[in-house]
Amino acid sequence: MLRTTLSEGPIGERHGEMHTLVRNPFKTKFMRANYEAAVKTYDIRGSNFIYPNTNRRCVGNAWANNFWRGFDGVARNWDHASKQTPAYAMWCAGRDIRQALSQ
């Protein structure tokens, strides 16, 4: 298993609650769906974000990479075009979940 700095971080707690604690900021159906998919994946500890039966982050896909970067507060230079991509929705979901966990 490849270990990177991104894969070594915490995964947080309160899985199963985030869908009630974060607010989807997007207006378009496409972006709303991507954001909701990220929150649901986190809530169910989906294997796209967290390796099964572990507390280790999965970083083997673009969704997970962007989600965990948002979760860790890694700043990105999102221009107008890139703010219309699934990557941005994943990043925002990670950011919002981390904020919800810190409250």
PDB file of N, CA and C in Angstrom:
ATOM      1  N   MET A   1       0.844  -1.171   0.000  1.00  0.00           N
ATOM      2  CA  MET A   1       0.000   0.000   0.000  1.00  0.00           C
ATOM      3  C   MET A   1       0.892   1.238   0.000  1.00  0.00           C
ATOM      4  N   LEU A   2       0.657   2.131  -0.928  1.00  0.00           N
ATOM      5  CA  LEU A   2       1.415   3.357  -1.043  1.00  0.00           C
ATOM      6  C   LEU A   2       1.068   4.298   0.103  1.00  0.00           C
ATOM      7  N   ARG A   3       2.062   4.778   0.795  1.00  0.00           N
ATOM      8  CA  ARG A   3       1.834   5.717   1.892  1.00  0.00           C
ATOM      9  C   ARG A   3       2.321   7.096   1.465  1.00  0.00           C
ATOM     10  N   THR A   4       1.451   8.060   1.626  1.00  0.00           N
ATOM     11  CA  THR A   4       1.799   9.440   1.340  1.00  0.00           C
ATOM     12  C   THR A   4       1.381  10.285   2.524  1.00  0.00           C
ATOM     13  N   THR A   5       1.815  11.511   2.558  1.00  0.00           N
ATOM     14  CA  THR A   5       1.405  12.410   3.631  1.00  0.00           C
ATOM     15  C   THR A   5      -0.108  12.528   3.670  1.00  0.00           C
ATOM     16  N   LEU A   6      -0.734  12.601   2.521  1.00  0.00           N
ATOM     17  CA  LEU A   6      -2.190  12.723   2.458  1.00  0.00           C
ATOM     18  C   LEU A   6      -2.878  11.492   3.039  1.00  0.00           C
ATOM     19  N   SER A   7      -2.323  10.325   2.829  1.00  0.00           N
ATOM     20  CA  SER A   7      -2.956   9.094   3.309  1.00  0.00           C
ATOM     21  C   SER A   7      -2.774   8.885   4.802  1.00  0.00           C
ATOM     22  N   GLU A   8      -1.868   9.602   5.423  1.00  0.00           N
ATOM     23  CA  GLU A   8      -1.553   9.399   6.837  1.00  0.00           C
ATOM     24  C   GLU A   8      -2.427  10.207   7.786  1.00  0.00           C
ATOM     25  N   GLY A   9      -3.239  11.109   7.289  1.00  0.00           N
ATOM     26  CA  GLY A   9      -4.019  11.986   8.155  1.00  0.00           C
ATOM     27  C   GLY A   9      -5.181  11.297   8.842  1.00  0.00           C
ATOM     28  N   PRO A  10      -5.814  12.007   9.780  1.00  0.00           N
ATOM     29  CA  PRO A  10      -6.970  11.457  10.484  1.00  0.00           C
ATOM     30  C   PRO A  10      -8.181  11.370   9.559  1.00  0.00           C
ATOM     31  N   ILE A  11      -9.123  10.497   9.898  1.00  0.00           N
ATOM     32  CA  ILE A  11     -10.337  10.377   9.089  1.00  0.00           C
ATOM     33  C   ILE A  11     -11.543  11.015   9.776  1.00  0.00           C
ATOM     34  N   GLY A  12     -11.343  11.527  10.980  1.00  0.00           N
ATOM     35  CA  GLY A  12     -12.450  12.156  11.692  1.00  0.00           C
ATOM     36  C   GLY A  12     -13.354  11.121  12.344  1.00  0.00           C
ATOM     37  N   GLU A  13     -14.398  11.619  12.941  1.00  0.00           N
ATOM     38  CA  GLU A  13     -15.352  10.773  13.641  1.00  0.00           C
ATOM     39  C   GLU A  13     -16.754  11.178  13.203  1.00  0.00           C
ATOM     40  N   ARG A  14     -17.727  10.666  13.898  1.00  0.00           N
ATOM     41  CA  ARG A  14     -19.122  11.030  13.666  1.00  0.00           C
ATOM     42  C   ARG A  14     -19.601  10.659  12.270  1.00  0.00           C
ATOM     43  N   HIS A  15     -19.080   9.560  11.745  1.00  0.00           N
ATOM     44  CA  HIS A  15     -19.559   9.055  10.463  1.00  0.00           C
ATOM     45  C   HIS A  15     -21.031   8.712  10.619  1.00  0.00           C
ATOM     46  N   GLY A  16     -21.812   9.031   9.634  1.00  0.00           N
ATOM     47  CA  GLY A  16     -23.247   8.786   9.697  1.00  0.00           C
ATOM     48  C   GLY A  16     -24.051  10.016  10.083  1.00  0.00           C
ATOM     49  N   GLU A  17     -23.381  11.065  10.531  1.00  0.00           N
ATOM     50  CA  GLU A  17     -24.059  12.286  10.970  1.00  0.00           C
ATOM     51  C   GLU A  17     -23.885  13.468  10.013  1.00  0.00           C
ATOM     52  N   MET A  18     -22.909  13.397   9.154  1.00  0.00           N
ATOM     53  CA  MET A  18     -22.548  14.582   8.378  1.00  0.00           C
ATOM     54  C   MET A  18     -23.666  15.078   7.471  1.00  0.00           C
ATOM     55  N   HIS A  19     -24.491  14.192   6.959  1.00  0.00           N
ATOM     56  CA  HIS A  19     -25.570  14.640   6.066  1.00  0.00           C
ATOM     57  C   HIS A  19     -26.524  15.597   6.781  1.00  0.00           C
ATOM     58  N   THR A  20     -26.551  15.569   8.111  1.00  0.00           N
ATOM     59  CA  THR A  20     -27.403  16.505   8.854  1.00  0.00           C
ATOM     60  C   THR A  20     -26.633  17.721   9.344  1.00  0.00           C
ATOM     61  N   LEU A  21     -25.304  17.680   9.287  1.00  0.00           N
ATOM     62  CA  LEU A  21     -24.494  18.762   9.845  1.00  0.00           C
ATOM     63  C   LEU A  21     -23.896  19.714   8.817  1.00  0.00           C
ATOM     64  N   VAL A  22     -23.829  19.308   7.573  1.00  0.00           N
ATOM     65  CA  VAL A  22     -23.269  20.185   6.543  1.00  0.00           C
ATOM     66  C   VAL A  22     -24.373  20.619   5.587  1.00  0.00           C
ATOM     67  N   ARG A  23     -24.187  21.801   5.015  1.00  0.00           N
ATOM     68  CA  ARG A  23     -25.164  22.343   4.073  1.00  0.00           C
ATOM     69  C   ARG A  23     -24.544  22.364   2.686  1.00  0.00           C
ATOM     70  N   ASN A  24     -25.265  21.801   1.734  1.00  0.00           N
ATOM     71  CA  ASN A  24     -24.797  21.764   0.353  1.00  0.00           C
ATOM     72  C   ASN A  24     -24.842  23.185  -0.218  1.00  0.00           C
ATOM     73  N   PRO A  25     -23.686  23.753  -0.593  1.00  0.00           N
ATOM     74  CA  PRO A  25     -23.644  25.139  -1.052  1.00  0.00           C
ATOM     75  C   PRO A  25     -23.953  25.335  -2.541  1.00  0.00           C
ATOM     76  N   PHE A  26     -24.130  24.243  -3.267  1.00  0.00           N
ATOM     77  CA  PHE A  26     -24.241  24.340  -4.716  1.00  0.00           C
ATOM     78  C   PHE A  26     -25.681  24.486  -5.186  1.00  0.00           C
ATOM     79  N   LYS A  27     -25.836  25.150  -6.324  1.00  0.00           N
ATOM     80  CA  LYS A  27     -27.157  25.397  -6.911  1.00  0.00           C
ATOM     81  C   LYS A  27     -27.482  24.429  -8.048  1.00  0.00           C
ATOM     82  N   THR A  28     -26.470  24.077  -8.835  1.00  0.00           N
ATOM     83  CA  THR A  28     -26.749  23.214  -9.995  1.00  0.00           C
ATOM     84  C   THR A  28     -26.905  21.764  -9.557  1.00  0.00           C
ATOM     85  N   LYS A  29     -27.747  21.048 -10.258  1.00  0.00           N
ATOM     86  CA  LYS A  29     -28.027  19.651  -9.943  1.00  0.00           C
ATOM     87  C   LYS A  29     -26.747  18.816  -9.970  1.00  0.00           C
ATOM     88  N   PHE A  30     -25.918  19.034 -10.980  1.00  0.00           N
ATOM     89  CA  PHE A  30     -24.673  18.287 -11.137  1.00  0.00           C
ATOM     90  C   PHE A  30     -23.752  18.472  -9.940  1.00  0.00           C
ATOM     91  N   MET A  31     -23.526  19.710  -9.530  1.00  0.00           N
ATOM     92  CA  MET A  31     -22.622  19.977  -8.415  1.00  0.00           C
ATOM     93  C   MET A  31     -23.230  19.530  -7.091  1.00  0.00           C
ATOM     94  N   ARG A  32     -24.534  19.720  -6.927  1.00  0.00           N
ATOM     95  CA  ARG A  32     -25.211  19.261  -5.704  1.00  0.00           C
ATOM     96  C   ARG A  32     -25.067  17.746  -5.552  1.00  0.00           C
ATOM     97  N   ALA A  33     -25.250  17.041  -6.654  1.00  0.00           N
ATOM     98  CA  ALA A  33     -25.156  15.577  -6.622  1.00  0.00           C
ATOM     99  C   ALA A  33     -23.746  15.119  -6.247  1.00  0.00           C
ATOM    100  N   ASN A  34     -22.734  15.775  -6.773  1.00  0.00           N
ATOM    101  CA  ASN A  34     -21.349  15.400  -6.454  1.00  0.00           C
ATOM    102  C   ASN A  34     -21.029  15.678  -4.989  1.00  0.00           C
ATOM    103  N   TYR A  35     -21.459  16.810  -4.483  1.00  0.00           N
ATOM    104  CA  TYR A  35     -21.237  17.156  -3.080  1.00  0.00           C
ATOM    105  C   TYR A  35     -21.936  16.132  -2.181  1.00  0.00           C
ATOM    106  N   GLU A  36     -23.200  15.828  -2.488  1.00  0.00           N
ATOM    107  CA  GLU A  36     -23.965  14.868  -1.692  1.00  0.00           C
ATOM    108  C   GLU A  36     -23.334  13.478  -1.742  1.00  0.00           C
ATOM    109  N   ALA A  37     -22.790  13.109  -2.887  1.00  0.00           N
ATOM    110  CA  ALA A  37     -22.119  11.811  -3.008  1.00  0.00           C
ATOM    111  C   ALA A  37     -20.893  11.752  -2.092  1.00  0.00           C
ATOM    112  N   ALA A  38     -20.159  12.847  -2.002  1.00  0.00           N
ATOM    113  CA  ALA A  38     -18.984  12.881  -1.127  1.00  0.00           C
ATOM    114  C   ALA A  38     -19.390  12.766   0.332  1.00  0.00           C
ATOM    115  N   VAL A  39     -20.423  13.496   0.730  1.00  0.00           N
ATOM    116  CA  VAL A  39     -20.885  13.439   2.123  1.00  0.00           C
ATOM    117  C   VAL A  39     -21.376  12.032   2.452  1.00  0.00           C
ATOM    118  N   LYS A  40     -22.131  11.437   1.543  1.00  0.00           N
ATOM    119  CA  LYS A  40     -22.637  10.082   1.775  1.00  0.00           C
ATOM    120  C   LYS A  40     -21.489   9.079   1.869  1.00  0.00           C
ATOM    121  N   THR A  41     -20.515   9.211   0.992  1.00  0.00           N
ATOM    122  CA  THR A  41     -19.365   8.306   1.020  1.00  0.00           C
ATOM    123  C   THR A  41     -18.631   8.405   2.349  1.00  0.00           C
ATOM    124  N   TYR A  42     -18.474   9.619   2.853  1.00  0.00           N
ATOM    125  CA  TYR A  42     -17.843   9.806   4.171  1.00  0.00           C
ATOM    126  C   TYR A  42     -18.713   9.189   5.260  1.00  0.00           C
ATOM    127  N   ASP A  43     -20.013   9.462   5.216  1.00  0.00           N
ATOM    128  CA  ASP A  43     -20.929   8.965   6.247  1.00  0.00           C
ATOM    129  C   ASP A  43     -20.934   7.442   6.345  1.00  0.00           C
ATOM    130  N   ILE A  44     -20.880   6.758   5.217  1.00  0.00           N
ATOM    131  CA  ILE A  44     -20.930   5.290   5.243  1.00  0.00           C
ATOM    132  C   ILE A  44     -19.538   4.670   5.295  1.00  0.00           C
ATOM    133  N   ARG A  45     -18.519   5.521   5.440  1.00  0.00           N
ATOM    134  CA  ARG A  45     -17.129   5.056   5.437  1.00  0.00           C
ATOM    135  C   ARG A  45     -16.845   4.264   4.172  1.00  0.00           C
ATOM    136  N   GLY A  46     -17.300   4.816   3.057  1.00  0.00           N
ATOM    137  CA  GLY A  46     -17.161   4.160   1.762  1.00  0.00           C
ATOM    138  C   GLY A  46     -15.713   3.914   1.381  1.00  0.00           C
ATOM    139  N   SER A  47     -15.498   2.821   0.676  1.00  0.00           N
ATOM    140  CA  SER A  47     -14.130   2.424   0.328  1.00  0.00           C
ATOM    141  C   SER A  47     -13.456   3.382  -0.646  1.00  0.00           C
ATOM    142  N   ASN A  48     -14.206   4.281  -1.254  1.00  0.00           N
ATOM    143  CA  ASN A  48     -13.572   5.293  -2.097  1.00  0.00           C
ATOM    144  C   ASN A  48     -12.826   6.335  -1.267  1.00  0.00           C
ATOM    145  N   PHE A  49     -13.175   6.457   0.021  1.00  0.00           N
ATOM    146  CA  PHE A  49     -12.524   7.439   0.909  1.00  0.00           C
ATOM    147  C   PHE A  49     -11.737   6.782   2.043  1.00  0.00           C
ATOM    148  N   ILE A  50     -12.228   5.647   2.552  1.00  0.00           N
ATOM    149  CA  ILE A  50     -11.607   5.008   3.716  1.00  0.00           C
ATOM    150  C   ILE A  50     -11.478   3.513   3.417  1.00  0.00           C
ATOM    151  N   TYR A  51     -10.267   2.984   3.601  1.00  0.00           N
ATOM    152  CA  TYR A  51     -10.070   1.561   3.358  1.00  0.00           C
ATOM    153  C   TYR A  51     -10.968   0.739   4.291  1.00  0.00           C
ATOM    154  N   PRO A  52     -11.618  -0.290   3.763  1.00  0.00           N
ATOM    155  CA  PRO A  52     -12.507  -1.119   4.591  1.00  0.00           C
ATOM    156  C   PRO A  52     -11.792  -1.703   5.808  1.00  0.00           C
ATOM    157  N   ASN A  53     -12.506  -1.729   6.915  1.00  0.00           N
ATOM    158  CA  ASN A  53     -12.024  -2.320   8.169  1.00  0.00           C
ATOM    159  C   ASN A  53     -10.761  -1.664   8.709  1.00  0.00           C
ATOM    160  N   THR A  54     -10.536  -0.410   8.342  1.00  0.00           N
ATOM    161  CA  THR A  54      -9.371   0.321   8.848  1.00  0.00           C
ATOM    162  C   THR A  54      -9.791   1.751   9.177  1.00  0.00           C
ATOM    163  N   ASN A  55      -8.868   2.494   9.702  1.00  0.00           N
ATOM    164  CA  ASN A  55      -9.047   3.937   9.878  1.00  0.00           C
ATOM    165  C   ASN A  55      -8.060   4.683   8.996  1.00  0.00           C
ATOM    166  N   ARG A  56      -7.768   4.110   7.831  1.00  0.00           N
ATOM    167  CA  ARG A  56      -6.813   4.715   6.902  1.00  0.00           C
ATOM    168  C   ARG A  56      -7.531   5.318   5.709  1.00  0.00           C
ATOM    169  N   ARG A  57      -7.061   6.462   5.323  1.00  0.00           N
ATOM    170  CA  ARG A  57      -7.603   7.150   4.153  1.00  0.00           C
ATOM    171  C   ARG A  57      -7.252   6.411   2.874  1.00  0.00           C
ATOM    172  N   CYS A  58      -8.191   6.343   1.978  1.00  0.00           N
ATOM    173  CA  CYS A  58      -7.929   5.876   0.631  1.00  0.00           C
ATOM    174  C   CYS A  58      -7.623   7.119  -0.206  1.00  0.00           C
ATOM    175  N   VAL A  59      -6.536   7.101  -0.918  1.00  0.00           N
ATOM    176  CA  VAL A  59      -6.187   8.234  -1.786  1.00  0.00           C
ATOM    177  C   VAL A  59      -5.911   7.750  -3.206  1.00  0.00           C
ATOM    178  N   GLY A  60      -6.502   6.631  -3.554  1.00  0.00           N
ATOM    179  CA  GLY A  60      -6.245   6.028  -4.854  1.00  0.00           C
ATOM    180  C   GLY A  60      -7.152   6.509  -5.964  1.00  0.00           C
ATOM    181  N   ASN A  61      -7.889   7.587  -5.743  1.00  0.00           N
ATOM    182  CA  ASN A  61      -8.751   8.127  -6.793  1.00  0.00           C
ATOM    183  C   ASN A  61      -8.857   9.637  -6.638  1.00  0.00           C
ATOM    184  N   ALA A  62      -9.242  10.309  -7.694  1.00  0.00           N
ATOM    185  CA  ALA A  62      -9.294  11.781  -7.694  1.00  0.00           C
ATOM    186  C   ALA A  62     -10.328  12.314  -6.705  1.00  0.00           C
ATOM    187  N   TRP A  63     -11.458  11.623  -6.582  1.00  0.00           N
ATOM    188  CA  TRP A  63     -12.469  12.055  -5.600  1.00  0.00           C
ATOM    189  C   TRP A  63     -11.843  12.134  -4.222  1.00  0.00           C
ATOM    190  N   ALA A  64     -11.200  11.047  -3.807  1.00  0.00           N
ATOM    191  CA  ALA A  64     -10.617  10.975  -2.472  1.00  0.00           C
ATOM    192  C   ALA A  64      -9.513  12.007  -2.290  1.00  0.00           C
ATOM    193  N   ASN A  65      -8.657  12.156  -3.264  1.00  0.00           N
ATOM    194  CA  ASN A  65      -7.572  13.132  -3.154  1.00  0.00           C
ATOM    195  C   ASN A  65      -8.114  14.533  -2.910  1.00  0.00           C
ATOM    196  N   ASN A  66      -9.113  14.922  -3.668  1.00  0.00           N
ATOM    197  CA  ASN A  66      -9.668  16.263  -3.492  1.00  0.00           C
ATOM    198  C   ASN A  66     -10.447  16.377  -2.188  1.00  0.00           C
ATOM    199  N   PHE A  67     -11.180  15.339  -1.821  1.00  0.00           N
ATOM    200  CA  PHE A  67     -11.909  15.355  -0.551  1.00  0.00           C
ATOM    201  C   PHE A  67     -10.947  15.544   0.623  1.00  0.00           C
ATOM    202  N   TRP A  68      -9.894  14.723   0.695  1.00  0.00           N
ATOM    203  CA  TRP A  68      -8.975  14.798   1.826  1.00  0.00           C
ATOM    204  C   TRP A  68      -8.173  16.090   1.825  1.00  0.00           C
ATOM    205  N   ARG A  69      -7.902  16.646   0.662  1.00  0.00           N
ATOM    206  CA  ARG A  69      -7.219  17.951   0.626  1.00  0.00           C
ATOM    207  C   ARG A  69      -8.125  19.035   1.221  1.00  0.00           C
ATOM    208  N   GLY A  70      -9.406  18.982   0.897  1.00  0.00           N
ATOM    209  CA  GLY A  70     -10.345  19.915   1.515  1.00  0.00           C
ATOM    210  C   GLY A  70     -10.456  19.681   3.005  1.00  0.00           C
ATOM    211  N   PHE A  71     -10.503  18.426   3.407  1.00  0.00           N
ATOM    212  CA  PHE A  71     -10.583  18.049   4.816  1.00  0.00           C
ATOM    213  C   PHE A  71      -9.378  18.583   5.590  1.00  0.00           C
ATOM    214  N   ASP A  72      -8.200  18.525   4.963  1.00  0.00           N
ATOM    215  CA  ASP A  72      -6.968  18.993   5.599  1.00  0.00           C
ATOM    216  C   ASP A  72      -6.759  20.499   5.468  1.00  0.00           C
ATOM    217  N   GLY A  73      -7.625  21.167   4.722  1.00  0.00           N
ATOM    218  CA  GLY A  73      -7.479  22.616   4.550  1.00  0.00           C
ATOM    219  C   GLY A  73      -6.377  23.006   3.585  1.00  0.00           C
ATOM    220  N   VAL A  74      -6.020  22.106   2.682  1.00  0.00           N
ATOM    221  CA  VAL A  74      -4.992  22.411   1.684  1.00  0.00           C
ATOM    222  C   VAL A  74      -5.603  23.360   0.660  1.00  0.00           C
ATOM    223  N   ALA A  75      -5.063  24.546   0.598  1.00  0.00           N
ATOM    224  CA  ALA A  75      -5.595  25.573  -0.306  1.00  0.00           C
ATOM    225  C   ALA A  75      -5.293  25.227  -1.756  1.00  0.00           C
ATOM    226  N   ARG A  76      -6.240  25.538  -2.605  1.00  0.00           N
ATOM    227  CA  ARG A  76      -6.071  25.363  -4.045  1.00  0.00           C
ATOM    228  C   ARG A  76      -6.476  26.669  -4.709  1.00  0.00           C
ATOM    229  N   ASN A  77      -5.942  26.919  -5.867  1.00  0.00           N
ATOM    230  CA  ASN A  77      -6.313  28.105  -6.627  1.00  0.00           C
ATOM    231  C   ASN A  77      -7.436  27.715  -7.584  1.00  0.00           C
ATOM    232  N   TRP A  78      -8.681  27.779  -7.110  1.00  0.00           N
ATOM    233  CA  TRP A  78      -9.836  27.384  -7.912  1.00  0.00           C
ATOM    234  C   TRP A  78     -10.295  28.569  -8.748  1.00  0.00           C
ATOM    235  N   ASP A  79     -10.117  28.495 -10.056  1.00  0.00           N
ATOM    236  CA  ASP A  79     -10.640  29.538 -10.927  1.00  0.00           C
ATOM    237  C   ASP A  79     -12.112  29.241 -11.234  1.00  0.00           C
ATOM    238  N   HIS A  80     -12.751  30.128 -11.965  1.00  0.00           N
ATOM    239  CA  HIS A  80     -14.187  29.988 -12.224  1.00  0.00           C
ATOM    240  C   HIS A  80     -14.522  28.650 -12.891  1.00  0.00           C
ATOM    241  N   ALA A  81     -13.743  28.266 -13.878  1.00  0.00           N
ATOM    242  CA  ALA A  81     -14.023  27.009 -14.599  1.00  0.00           C
ATOM    243  C   ALA A  81     -13.861  25.796 -13.691  1.00  0.00           C
ATOM    244  N   SER A  82     -12.817  25.781 -12.880  1.00  0.00           N
ATOM    245  CA  SER A  82     -12.587  24.609 -12.032  1.00  0.00           C
ATOM    246  C   SER A  82     -13.579  24.527 -10.876  1.00  0.00           C
ATOM    247  N   LYS A  83     -14.266  25.617 -10.586  1.00  0.00           N
ATOM    248  CA  LYS A  83     -15.306  25.588  -9.549  1.00  0.00           C
ATOM    249  C   LYS A  83     -16.591  24.943 -10.048  1.00  0.00           C
ATOM    250  N   GLN A  84     -16.581  24.465 -11.281  1.00  0.00           N
ATOM    251  CA  GLN A  84     -17.734  23.774 -11.860  1.00  0.00           C
ATOM    252  C   GLN A  84     -17.442  22.292 -12.059  1.00  0.00           C
ATOM    253  N   THR A  85     -16.444  21.780 -11.359  1.00  0.00           N
ATOM    254  CA  THR A  85     -16.013  20.393 -11.549  1.00  0.00           C
ATOM    255  C   THR A  85     -16.317  19.539 -10.312  1.00  0.00           C
ATOM    256  N   PRO A  86     -16.422  18.228 -10.503  1.00  0.00           N
ATOM    257  CA  PRO A  86     -16.589  17.343  -9.347  1.00  0.00           C
ATOM    258  C   PRO A  86     -15.450  17.477  -8.341  1.00  0.00           C
ATOM    259  N   ALA A  87     -14.253  17.758  -8.812  1.00  0.00           N
ATOM    260  CA  ALA A  87     -13.116  17.912  -7.902  1.00  0.00           C
ATOM    261  C   ALA A  87     -13.383  19.018  -6.881  1.00  0.00           C
ATOM    262  N   TYR A  88     -13.958  20.113  -7.334  1.00  0.00           N
ATOM    263  CA  TYR A  88     -14.258  21.224  -6.423  1.00  0.00           C
ATOM    264  C   TYR A  88     -15.347  20.825  -5.432  1.00  0.00           C
ATOM    265  N   ALA A  89     -16.353  20.100  -5.892  1.00  0.00           N
ATOM    266  CA  ALA A  89     -17.419  19.647  -4.988  1.00  0.00           C
ATOM    267  C   ALA A  89     -16.844  18.725  -3.917  1.00  0.00           C
ATOM    268  N   MET A  90     -15.926  17.833  -4.292  1.00  0.00           N
ATOM    269  CA  MET A  90     -15.291  16.938  -3.322  1.00  0.00           C
ATOM    270  C   MET A  90     -14.479  17.724  -2.313  1.00  0.00           C
ATOM    271  N   TRP A  91     -13.706  18.690  -2.810  1.00  0.00           N
ATOM    272  CA  TRP A  91     -12.875  19.524  -1.940  1.00  0.00           C
ATOM    273  C   TRP A  91     -13.749  20.277  -0.945  1.00  0.00           C
ATOM    274  N   CYS A  92     -14.847  20.855  -1.420  1.00  0.00           N
ATOM    275  CA  CYS A  92     -15.754  21.599  -0.536  1.00  0.00           C
ATOM    276  C   CYS A  92     -16.397  20.688   0.504  1.00  0.00           C
ATOM    277  N   ALA A  93     -16.773  19.493   0.113  1.00  0.00           N
ATOM    278  CA  ALA A  93     -17.364  18.549   1.065  1.00  0.00           C
ATOM    279  C   ALA A  93     -16.356  18.203   2.163  1.00  0.00           C
ATOM    280  N   GLY A  94     -15.126  17.956   1.791  1.00  0.00           N
ATOM    281  CA  GLY A  94     -14.091  17.678   2.789  1.00  0.00           C
ATOM    282  C   GLY A  94     -13.886  18.851   3.726  1.00  0.00           C
ATOM    283  N   ARG A  95     -13.820  20.037   3.173  1.00  0.00           N
ATOM    284  CA  ARG A  95     -13.660  21.255   3.983  1.00  0.00           C
ATOM    285  C   ARG A  95     -14.830  21.416   4.952  1.00  0.00           C
ATOM    286  N   ASP A  96     -16.040  21.246   4.452  1.00  0.00           N
ATOM    287  CA  ASP A  96     -17.235  21.457   5.272  1.00  0.00           C
ATOM    288  C   ASP A  96     -17.362  20.401   6.378  1.00  0.00           C
ATOM    289  N   ILE A  97     -17.002  19.165   6.071  1.00  0.00           N
ATOM    290  CA  ILE A  97     -17.059  18.112   7.087  1.00  0.00           C
ATOM    291  C   ILE A  97     -16.041  18.398   8.188  1.00  0.00           C
ATOM    292  N   ARG A  98     -14.850  18.808   7.817  1.00  0.00           N
ATOM    293  CA  ARG A  98     -13.833  19.130   8.828  1.00  0.00           C
ATOM    294  C   ARG A  98     -14.320  20.276   9.727  1.00  0.00           C
ATOM    295  N   GLN A  99     -14.955  21.291   9.125  1.00  0.00           N
ATOM    296  CA  GLN A  99     -15.496  22.405   9.922  1.00  0.00           C
ATOM    297  C   GLN A  99     -16.592  21.917  10.864  1.00  0.00           C
ATOM    298  N   ALA A 100     -17.449  21.022  10.373  1.00  0.00           N
ATOM    299  CA  ALA A 100     -18.525  20.484  11.215  1.00  0.00           C
ATOM    300  C   ALA A 100     -17.955  19.664  12.380  1.00  0.00           C
ATOM    301  N   LEU A 101     -16.887  18.948  12.138  1.00  0.00           N
ATOM    302  CA  LEU A 101     -16.268  18.146  13.193  1.00  0.00           C
ATOM    303  C   LEU A 101     -15.624  19.020  14.272  1.00  0.00           C
ATOM    304  N   SER A 102     -15.178  20.207  13.893  1.00  0.00           N
ATOM    305  CA  SER A 102     -14.500  21.073  14.856  1.00  0.00           C
ATOM    306  C   SER A 102     -15.452  21.917  15.688  1.00  0.00           C
ATOM    307  N   GLN A 103     -16.723  21.825  15.408  1.00  0.00           N
ATOM    308  CA  GLN A 103     -17.710  22.623  16.175  1.00  0.00           C
ATOM    309  C   GLN A 103     -18.211  21.871  17.373  1.00  0.00           C
TER     310      GLN A 103
END
